C-alpha atoms as a PDB file:
ATOM      1  CA  LEU A   1     137.845 195.127  65.921  1.00  0.00           C
ATOM      2  CA  LEU A   2     137.068 196.659  69.715  1.00  0.00           C
ATOM      3  CA  PRO A   3     137.413 199.940  68.335  1.00  0.00           C
ATOM      4  CA  GLU A   4     134.913 199.691  65.478  1.00  0.00           C
ATOM      5  CA  VAL A   5     132.423 197.983  67.702  1.00  0.00           C
ATOM      6  CA  GLU A   6     132.936 201.197  70.005  1.00  0.00           C
ATOM      7  CA  ALA A   7     132.329 203.460  67.053  1.00  0.00           C
ATOM      8  CA  ALA A   8     129.682 201.836  66.026  1.00  0.00           C
ATOM      9  CA  ALA A   9     127.965 202.223  69.277  1.00  0.00           C
ATOM     10  CA  ILE A  10     128.553 205.415  69.739  1.00  0.00           C
ATOM     11  CA  LYS A  11     127.071 206.437  66.254  1.00  0.00           C
ATOM     12  CA  LYS A  12     123.925 204.282  67.663  1.00  0.00           C
ATOM     13  CA  VAL A  13     123.758 206.124  71.014  1.00  0.00           C
ATOM     14  CA  ILE A  14     123.840 209.351  69.380  1.00  0.00           C
ATOM     15  CA  ALA A  15     120.988 208.193  67.272  1.00  0.00           C
ATOM     16  CA  ILE A  16     119.049 207.450  69.401  1.00  0.00           C
ATOM     17  CA  GLN A  17     119.394 210.896  71.278  1.00  0.00           C
ATOM     18  CA  ILE A  18     118.929 212.471  68.484  1.00  0.00           C
ATOM     19  CA  ALA A  19     115.392 210.822  67.734  1.00  0.00           C
ATOM     20  CA  GLU A  20     114.681 211.432  71.417  1.00  0.00           C
ATOM     21  CA  LEU A  21     115.503 215.147  71.384  1.00  0.00           C
ATOM     22  CA  MET A  22     113.168 215.987  68.180  1.00  0.00           C
ATOM     23  CA  LYS A  23     110.392 213.495  70.036  1.00  0.00           C
ATOM     24  CA  LYS A  24     110.449 216.109  72.835  1.00  0.00           C
ATOM     25  CA  ASP A  25     110.598 219.109  70.802  1.00  0.00           C
ATOM     26  CA  ASN A  26     107.376 217.817  68.881  1.00  0.00           C
ATOM     27  CA  LEU A  27     109.556 218.205  65.412  1.00  0.00           C
ATOM     28  CA  SER A  28     108.367 215.589  62.323  1.00  0.00           C
ATOM     29  CA  LYS A  29     111.206 214.166  60.471  1.00  0.00           C
ATOM     30  CA  THR A  30     110.059 215.797  57.485  1.00  0.00           C
ATOM     31  CA  GLU A  31     110.558 218.971  59.327  1.00  0.00           C
ATOM     32  CA  MET A  32     113.990 217.826  60.236  1.00  0.00           C
ATOM     33  CA  ALA A  33     114.793 217.387  56.932  1.00  0.00           C
ATOM     34  CA  LYS A  34     113.863 220.951  56.011  1.00  0.00           C
ATOM     35  CA  ARG A  35     116.187 221.888  59.019  1.00  0.00           C
ATOM     36  CA  MET A  36     119.196 219.956  57.602  1.00  0.00           C
ATOM     37  CA  ASN A  37     118.524 220.739  53.994  1.00  0.00           C
ATOM     38  CA  THR A  38     118.280 216.625  53.026  1.00  0.00           C
ATOM     39  CA  SER A  39     115.509 214.335  52.339  1.00  0.00           C
ATOM     40  CA  ARG A  40     113.255 212.608  54.503  1.00  0.00           C
ATOM     41  CA  SER A  41     114.657 209.309  54.011  1.00  0.00           C
ATOM     42  CA  ALA A  42     118.224 210.539  55.078  1.00  0.00           C
ATOM     43  CA  ILE A  43     116.775 211.302  57.766  1.00  0.00           C
ATOM     44  CA  ASP A  44     115.504 207.726  58.235  1.00  0.00           C
ATOM     45  CA  ARG A  45     118.811 206.565  57.971  1.00  0.00           C
ATOM     46  CA  LEU A  46     120.094 208.815  60.504  1.00  0.00           C
ATOM     47  CA  LEU A  47     117.694 207.596  62.409  1.00  0.00           C
ATOM     48  CA  ASP A  48     118.369 203.934  62.055  1.00  0.00           C
ATOM     49  CA  PRO A  49     120.603 202.800  64.682  1.00  0.00           C
ATOM     50  CA  GLN A  50     121.337 199.558  62.638  1.00  0.00           C
ATOM     51  CA  ASN A  51     122.890 202.074  59.707  1.00  0.00           C
ATOM     52  CA  GLU A  52     126.544 202.285  60.625  1.00  0.00           C
ATOM     53  CA  SER A  53     127.599 204.220  57.641  1.00  0.00           C
ATOM     54  CA  ILE A  54     126.279 207.714  59.079  1.00  0.00           C
ATOM     55  CA  THR A  55     129.528 209.829  59.433  1.00  0.00           C
ATOM     56  CA  LEU A  56     130.412 212.329  62.700  1.00  0.00           C
ATOM     57  CA  GLN A  57     129.796 215.048  60.282  1.00  0.00           C
ATOM     58  CA  THR A  58     126.006 213.924  59.656  1.00  0.00           C
ATOM     59  CA  LEU A  59     125.718 213.523  63.251  1.00  0.00           C
ATOM     60  CA  GLU A  60     126.774 216.727  64.002  1.00  0.00           C
ATOM     61  CA  HIS A  61     124.728 218.543  61.308  1.00  0.00           C
ATOM     62  CA  ALA A  62     121.735 217.223  63.103  1.00  0.00           C
ATOM     63  CA  ALA A  63     122.718 217.940  66.598  1.00  0.00           C
ATOM     64  CA  LEU A  64     123.093 221.667  65.304  1.00  0.00           C
ATOM     65  CA  ALA A  65     119.721 221.762  64.007  1.00  0.00           C
ATOM     66  CA  LEU A  66     118.046 220.659  67.271  1.00  0.00           C
ATOM     67  CA  GLY A  67     120.555 223.577  68.739  1.00  0.00           C
ATOM     68  CA  LYS A  68     122.771 220.707  70.026  1.00  0.00           C
ATOM     69  CA  LYS A  69     126.495 219.794  70.172  1.00  0.00           C
ATOM     70  CA  ILE A  70     127.972 216.515  70.196  1.00  0.00           C
ATOM     71  CA  GLN A  71     131.152 216.481  72.554  1.00  0.00           C
ATOM     72  CA  VAL A  72     133.373 213.798  72.333  1.00  0.00           C
ATOM     73  CA  ASN A  73     136.280 213.112  74.614  1.00  0.00           C
ATOM     74  CA  ILE A  74     139.454 211.085  74.758  1.00  0.00           C
ATOM     75  CA  VAL A  75     140.141 209.157  77.988  1.00  0.00           C
END
């Protein structure tokens, strides 16, 4: 149970960070959708911290659209 909860928490943190980067760059959901070649509703799902179905690949794609990378470390 603990690994699943931790994974969900990590996804939430990344989604929040993506939203913050979009706000910092004054980037709309529509523009983000264009950068990611997806729909605006997909961006809504991506930015929803309660949505646990978003994959790491999708989060990485979003980060790349913002000129960033996601780093995962094993500690």
